[in-house]
C-alpha atoms as a PDB file:
ATOM      1  CA  MET A   1       0.005   0.032  -0.006  1.00  0.00           C
ATOM      2  CA  VAL A   2       1.375   3.344  -1.199  1.00  0.00           C
ATOM      3  CA  LYS A   3      -0.003   6.681  -0.163  1.00  0.00           C
ATOM      4  CA  LEU A   4       1.195   9.520  -2.442  1.00  0.00           C
ATOM      5  CA  ARG A   5       0.795  13.255  -2.111  1.00  0.00           C
ATOM      6  CA  ALA A   6       0.233  15.616  -5.007  1.00  0.00           C
ATOM      7  CA  ARG A   7      -0.320  19.380  -5.402  1.00  0.00           C
ATOM      8  CA  CYS A   8      -3.135  19.899  -7.864  1.00  0.00           C
ATOM      9  CA  LEU A   9      -3.448  23.546  -9.058  1.00  0.00           C
ATOM     10  CA  VAL A  10      -6.918  24.657 -10.247  1.00  0.00           C
ATOM     11  CA  VAL A  11      -6.756  27.643 -12.483  1.00  0.00           C
ATOM     12  CA  GLY A  12      -8.903  29.522 -15.040  1.00  0.00           C
ATOM     13  CA  ASP A  13     -10.756  32.764 -15.469  1.00  0.00           C
ATOM     14  CA  ALA A  14     -12.897  34.313 -12.694  1.00  0.00           C
ATOM     15  CA  ALA A  15     -16.462  32.939 -12.479  1.00  0.00           C
ATOM     16  CA  VAL A  16     -15.908  29.803 -14.460  1.00  0.00           C
ATOM     17  CA  GLY A  17     -16.819  27.673 -11.460  1.00  0.00           C
ATOM     18  CA  LYS A  18     -13.430  26.508 -10.155  1.00  0.00           C
ATOM     19  CA  SER A  19     -14.443  26.748  -6.519  1.00  0.00           C
ATOM     20  CA  ALA A  20     -17.856  25.120  -7.065  1.00  0.00           C
ATOM     21  CA  LEU A  21     -16.168  22.247  -8.939  1.00  0.00           C
ATOM     22  CA  CYS A  22     -13.590  21.795  -6.092  1.00  0.00           C
ATOM     23  CA  HIS A  23     -16.302  21.861  -3.399  1.00  0.00           C
ATOM     24  CA  THR A  24     -18.537  19.545  -5.224  1.00  0.00           C
ATOM     25  CA  PHE A  25     -15.675  17.061  -5.585  1.00  0.00           C
ATOM     26  CA  TYR A  26     -14.627  17.487  -1.990  1.00  0.00           C
ATOM     27  CA  SER A  27     -18.159  16.833  -0.691  1.00  0.00           C
ATOM     28  CA  ASP A  28     -18.783  13.782  -2.960  1.00  0.00           C
ATOM     29  CA  GLY A  29     -21.418  15.728  -4.739  1.00  0.00           C
ATOM     30  CA  THR A  30     -23.484  16.733  -1.706  1.00  0.00           C
ATOM     31  CA  LEU A  31     -22.617  20.389  -1.652  1.00  0.00           C
ATOM     32  CA  PHE A  32     -23.118  23.094  -4.231  1.00  0.00           C
ATOM     33  CA  GLN A  33     -22.786  26.502  -2.607  1.00  0.00           C
ATOM     34  CA  LYS A  34     -25.681  28.677  -3.820  1.00  0.00           C
ATOM     35  CA  ASN A  35     -24.231  31.805  -2.226  1.00  0.00           C
ATOM     36  CA  TYR A  36     -21.274  32.691  -4.466  1.00  0.00           C
ATOM     37  CA  SER A  37     -18.312  34.718  -3.260  1.00  0.00           C
ATOM     38  CA  MET A  38     -15.313  35.157  -5.505  1.00  0.00           C
ATOM     39  CA  THR A  39     -12.068  33.597  -4.468  1.00  0.00           C
ATOM     40  CA  THR A  40      -9.631  36.360  -3.710  1.00  0.00           C
ATOM     41  CA  GLY A  41      -6.538  34.354  -2.933  1.00  0.00           C
ATOM     42  CA  VAL A  42      -6.008  30.637  -2.869  1.00  0.00           C
ATOM     43  CA  GLU A  43      -8.052  28.047  -0.977  1.00  0.00           C
ATOM     44  CA  LEU A  44      -6.579  24.666  -0.074  1.00  0.00           C
ATOM     45  CA  ILE A  45      -8.751  21.598  -0.075  1.00  0.00           C
ATOM     46  CA  MET A  46      -7.424  18.109   0.721  1.00  0.00           C
ATOM     47  CA  LYS A  47      -9.039  14.800  -0.403  1.00  0.00           C
ATOM     48  CA  CYS A  48      -7.696  11.286  -0.629  1.00  0.00           C
ATOM     49  CA  VAL A  49      -8.475   9.446  -3.801  1.00  0.00           C
ATOM     50  CA  ASN A  50      -8.186   5.658  -3.776  1.00  0.00           C
ATOM     51  CA  ILE A  51      -6.599   4.139  -6.922  1.00  0.00           C
ATOM     52  CA  PRO A  52      -8.812   1.523  -8.520  1.00  0.00           C
ATOM     53  CA  GLU A  53      -7.538  -2.101  -8.571  1.00  0.00           C
ATOM     54  CA  SER A  54      -4.834  -1.337  -6.018  1.00  0.00           C
ATOM     55  CA  SER A  55      -4.528  -0.569  -2.302  1.00  0.00           C
ATOM     56  CA  ASP A  56      -2.741   2.707  -3.185  1.00  0.00           C
ATOM     57  CA  SER A  57      -4.121   6.217  -2.775  1.00  0.00           C
ATOM     58  CA  VAL A  58      -3.211   9.763  -3.750  1.00  0.00           C
ATOM     59  CA  GLU A  59      -3.805  12.602  -1.339  1.00  0.00           C
ATOM     60  CA  LEU A  60      -4.682  15.552  -3.524  1.00  0.00           C
ATOM     61  CA  TYR A  61      -3.771  18.954  -2.113  1.00  0.00           C
ATOM     62  CA  ILE A  62      -6.107  20.975  -4.271  1.00  0.00           C
ATOM     63  CA  ILE A  63      -5.077  24.589  -4.610  1.00  0.00           C
ATOM     64  CA  ASP A  64      -8.021  26.653  -5.831  1.00  0.00           C
ATOM     65  CA  SER A  65      -6.652  29.847  -7.145  1.00  0.00           C
ATOM     66  CA  ALA A  66      -8.379  33.169  -7.890  1.00  0.00           C
ATOM     67  CA  GLY A  67      -8.897  33.846 -11.522  1.00  0.00           C
ATOM     68  CA  LYS A  68      -9.320  37.600 -11.538  1.00  0.00           C
ATOM     69  CA  GLU A  69      -6.369  39.049 -13.339  1.00  0.00           C
ATOM     70  CA  THR A  70      -5.577  41.602 -10.685  1.00  0.00           C
ATOM     71  CA  LEU A  71      -5.221  38.844  -8.070  1.00  0.00           C
ATOM     72  CA  VAL A  72      -3.422  36.194 -10.124  1.00  0.00           C
ATOM     73  CA  GLU A  73       0.161  37.575  -9.574  1.00  0.00           C
ATOM     74  CA  THR A  74      -0.208  37.493  -5.879  1.00  0.00           C
ATOM     75  CA  CYS A  75      -1.724  34.044  -6.042  1.00  0.00           C
ATOM     76  CA  GLU A  76       1.034  32.670  -8.147  1.00  0.00           C
ATOM     77  CA  LYS A  77       3.470  33.184  -5.298  1.00  0.00           C
ATOM     78  CA  MET A  78       1.303  30.705  -3.287  1.00  0.00           C
ATOM     79  CA  TRP A  79       1.150  28.056  -5.955  1.00  0.00           C
ATOM     80  CA  GLY A  80       4.416  26.411  -5.020  1.00  0.00           C
ATOM     81  CA  GLN A  81       5.517  23.537  -7.379  1.00  0.00           C
ATOM     82  CA  PRO A  82       2.350  21.862  -8.592  1.00  0.00           C
ATOM     83  CA  SER A  83       2.362  18.214  -9.624  1.00  0.00           C
ATOM     84  CA  LEU A  84      -0.992  18.418 -11.392  1.00  0.00           C
ATOM     85  CA  LEU A  85      -3.003  21.011 -13.309  1.00  0.00           C
ATOM     86  CA  CYS A  86      -6.805  21.395 -13.537  1.00  0.00           C
ATOM     87  CA  LEU A  87      -7.514  24.194 -16.111  1.00  0.00           C
ATOM     88  CA  VAL A  88     -11.224  25.213 -15.998  1.00  0.00           C
ATOM     89  CA  PHE A  89     -13.321  27.283 -18.425  1.00  0.00           C
ATOM     90  CA  ASP A  90     -16.961  28.078 -18.787  1.00  0.00           C
ATOM     91  CA  LEU A  91     -18.674  26.357 -21.686  1.00  0.00           C
ATOM     92  CA  THR A  92     -20.953  29.342 -22.070  1.00  0.00           C
ATOM     93  CA  SER A  93     -18.021  31.750 -22.540  1.00  0.00           C
ATOM     94  CA  GLN A  94     -15.829  31.686 -25.572  1.00  0.00           C
ATOM     95  CA  GLN A  95     -13.487  34.192 -23.976  1.00  0.00           C
ATOM     96  CA  SER A  96     -12.835  32.015 -20.968  1.00  0.00           C
ATOM     97  CA  PHE A  97     -11.945  29.184 -23.407  1.00  0.00           C
ATOM     98  CA  ALA A  98      -9.676  31.513 -25.447  1.00  0.00           C
ATOM     99  CA  ASN A  99      -7.894  32.598 -22.272  1.00  0.00           C
ATOM    100  CA  CYS A 100      -6.930  28.958 -21.573  1.00  0.00           C
ATOM    101  CA  SER A 101      -3.859  29.588 -23.899  1.00  0.00           C
ATOM    102  CA  CYS A 102      -2.778  32.408 -21.538  1.00  0.00           C
ATOM    103  CA  TRP A 103      -3.192  30.157 -18.514  1.00  0.00           C
ATOM    104  CA  MET A 104      -1.062  27.485 -20.185  1.00  0.00           C
ATOM    105  CA  GLU A 105       1.627  30.109 -20.852  1.00  0.00           C
ATOM    106  CA  ARG A 106       1.560  31.302 -17.238  1.00  0.00           C
ATOM    107  CA  MET A 107       1.813  27.679 -16.028  1.00  0.00           C
ATOM    108  CA  ALA A 108       4.796  26.983 -18.359  1.00  0.00           C
ATOM    109  CA  ALA A 109       6.563  30.072 -17.039  1.00  0.00           C
ATOM    110  CA  HIS A 110       5.775  29.269 -13.445  1.00  0.00           C
ATOM    111  CA  CYS A 111       6.763  25.589 -13.706  1.00  0.00           C
ATOM    112  CA  LYS A 112       9.959  26.443 -15.700  1.00  0.00           C
ATOM    113  CA  GLY A 113       9.528  23.738 -18.306  1.00  0.00           C
ATOM    114  CA  LEU A 114       8.662  20.850 -15.993  1.00  0.00           C
ATOM    115  CA  GLN A 115       6.025  18.470 -17.472  1.00  0.00           C
ATOM    116  CA  ILE A 116       2.837  18.688 -15.451  1.00  0.00           C
ATOM    117  CA  GLN A 117       0.042  16.168 -15.807  1.00  0.00           C
ATOM    118  CA  GLY A 118      -3.209  18.004 -16.520  1.00  0.00           C
ATOM    119  CA  VAL A 119      -6.855  18.115 -17.485  1.00  0.00           C
ATOM    120  CA  LEU A 120      -8.951  20.708 -19.257  1.00  0.00           C
ATOM    121  CA  VAL A 121     -12.478  21.065 -17.764  1.00  0.00           C
ATOM    122  CA  GLY A 122     -15.388  22.675 -19.541  1.00  0.00           C
ATOM    123  CA  ASN A 123     -17.758  23.554 -16.701  1.00  0.00           C
ATOM    124  CA  LYS A 124     -21.480  24.582 -16.728  1.00  0.00           C
ATOM    125  CA  SER A 125     -22.616  21.826 -18.999  1.00  0.00           C
ATOM    126  CA  ASP A 126     -26.072  22.249 -17.554  1.00  0.00           C
ATOM    127  CA  LEU A 127     -26.421  25.493 -19.493  1.00  0.00           C
ATOM    128  CA  SER A 128     -26.613  23.770 -22.884  1.00  0.00           C
ATOM    129  CA  ALA A 129     -28.831  26.506 -24.407  1.00  0.00           C
ATOM    130  CA  ARG A 130     -26.137  29.103 -23.776  1.00  0.00           C
ATOM    131  CA  ARG A 131     -23.155  26.953 -24.885  1.00  0.00           C
ATOM    132  CA  GLU A 132     -20.516  28.797 -26.817  1.00  0.00           C
ATOM    133  CA  VAL A 133     -17.737  26.229 -26.924  1.00  0.00           C
ATOM    134  CA  GLN A 134     -18.267  22.919 -28.744  1.00  0.00           C
ATOM    135  CA  GLU A 135     -16.976  19.718 -27.258  1.00  0.00           C
ATOM    136  CA  SER A 136     -15.010  18.817 -30.355  1.00  0.00           C
ATOM    137  CA  VAL A 137     -13.119  22.203 -30.377  1.00  0.00           C
ATOM    138  CA  ALA A 138     -12.269  21.940 -26.693  1.00  0.00           C
ATOM    139  CA  LYS A 139     -11.165  18.289 -27.003  1.00  0.00           C
ATOM    140  CA  GLU A 140      -8.965  19.078 -29.966  1.00  0.00           C
ATOM    141  CA  TRP A 141      -7.320  22.060 -28.162  1.00  0.00           C
ATOM    142  CA  ALA A 142      -6.823  19.900 -25.013  1.00  0.00           C
ATOM    143  CA  GLN A 143      -5.082  17.223 -26.930  1.00  0.00           C
ATOM    144  CA  SER A 144      -2.845  19.750 -28.604  1.00  0.00           C
ATOM    145  CA  GLN A 145      -1.777  20.812 -25.102  1.00  0.00           C
ATOM    146  CA  GLY A 146      -1.257  17.250 -23.723  1.00  0.00           C
ATOM    147  CA  LEU A 147      -4.399  17.568 -21.528  1.00  0.00           C
ATOM    148  CA  GLU A 148      -7.362  15.261 -21.116  1.00  0.00           C
ATOM    149  CA  TYR A 149     -10.723  16.831 -21.572  1.00  0.00           C
ATOM    150  CA  HIS A 150     -13.684  16.574 -19.279  1.00  0.00           C
ATOM    151  CA  GLU A 151     -17.128  18.363 -19.133  1.00  0.00           C
ATOM    152  CA  THR A 152     -18.826  18.986 -15.851  1.00  0.00           C
ATOM    153  CA  SER A 153     -21.710  20.704 -14.171  1.00  0.00           C
ATOM    154  CA  ALA A 154     -20.869  21.666 -10.617  1.00  0.00           C
ATOM    155  CA  LYS A 155     -24.385  22.997 -10.116  1.00  0.00           C
ATOM    156  CA  GLU A 156     -25.962  19.635 -11.114  1.00  0.00           C
ATOM    157  CA  MET A 157     -23.077  17.742  -9.574  1.00  0.00           C
ATOM    158  CA  GLU A 158     -22.319  15.861 -12.811  1.00  0.00           C
ATOM    159  CA  ASN A 159     -18.974  14.372 -13.590  1.00  0.00           C
ATOM    160  CA  CYS A 160     -17.183  16.636 -10.962  1.00  0.00           C
ATOM    161  CA  ASP A 161     -15.074  13.839  -9.587  1.00  0.00           C
ATOM    162  CA  ALA A 162     -13.856  12.466 -13.028  1.00  0.00           C
ATOM    163  CA  PRO A 163     -11.125  15.178 -13.624  1.00  0.00           C
ATOM    164  CA  PHE A 164      -9.657  14.781 -10.148  1.00  0.00           C
ATOM    165  CA  ARG A 165      -9.845  11.026 -10.213  1.00  0.00           C
ATOM    166  CA  ARG A 166      -8.111  11.062 -13.552  1.00  0.00           C
ATOM    167  CA  LEU A 167      -5.401  13.328 -12.231  1.00  0.00           C
ATOM    168  CA  ALA A 168      -4.790  11.113  -9.212  1.00  0.00           C
ATOM    169  CA  GLN A 169      -4.522   7.996 -11.508  1.00  0.00           C
ATOM    170  CA  ALA A 170      -2.101   9.867 -13.835  1.00  0.00           C
ATOM    171  CA  PHE A 171       0.069  10.926 -10.818  1.00  0.00           C
ATOM    172  CA  HIS A 172      -0.014   7.296  -9.496  1.00  0.00           C
ATOM    173  CA  SER A 173       1.028   5.892 -12.976  1.00  0.00           C
ATOM    174  CA  LEU A 174       3.926   8.300 -13.147  1.00  0.00           C
ATOM    175  CA  TYR A 175       5.000   7.172  -9.714  1.00  0.00           C
ATOM    176  CA  GLN A 176       4.901   3.507 -10.863  1.00  0.00           C
ATOM    177  CA  GLN A 177       6.840   4.330 -14.030  1.00  0.00           C
ATOM    178  CA  ARG A 178       9.598   6.093 -11.985  1.00  0.00           C
ATOM    179  CA  ARG A 179       9.672   3.240  -9.453  1.00  0.00           C
ATOM    180  CA  ASP A 180      10.063   0.642 -12.178  1.00  0.00           C
ATOM    181  CA  THR A 181      12.885   2.662 -13.802  1.00  0.00           C
ATOM    182  CA  ILE A 182      14.788   2.806 -10.469  1.00  0.00           C
ATOM    183  CA  GLN A 183      14.272  -0.857  -9.838  1.00  0.00           C
ATOM    184  CA  ASN A 184      15.643  -1.764 -13.309  1.00  0.00           C
ATOM    185  CA  LEU A 185      18.784   0.177 -12.606  1.00  0.00           C
ATOM    186  CA  GLY A 186      19.704  -2.381  -9.943  1.00  0.00           C
ATOM    187  CA  PRO A 187      22.619  -4.875 -10.329  1.00  0.00           C
ATOM    188  CA  ALA A 188      22.146  -7.288 -13.241  1.00  0.00           C
END
């Protein structure tokens, strides 16, 4: 049994539903905060994710970061060295999707070239009548960035655990690969 710890950074524009997504995942889909207050710094949420078909687990330290441009620079100092990335945009806002490129550039600069496992999350799938970003477009962009794509609705508590569970599994797989590499370096 192995228990790993990973820093998971959640970023994206303001009001895309990052905090709602995090809290819905943390509460196992039992909590959607109806009274919204914008995150002005970073909020830390910790949740342990069991890895299927093993006795291993990954403790995710989820860093929910403010998305408002005037706050991001200050927040960036509190990000530390993330292991995982959850980039969130609003499916009803083409601009929030377009800004994902800026978020990826910011992450690349912050992580100084380190390869970070990540997911792209299109939130607010419950607002299908107001949708501005098509799934195929988001999926194609995610693949071009090396990200896995998920759509969620924090309000309807749909699919909110999938991105985080996928990140935990990716982190666990990376650990196993590195462990195997080290074991293979032993004497022949």
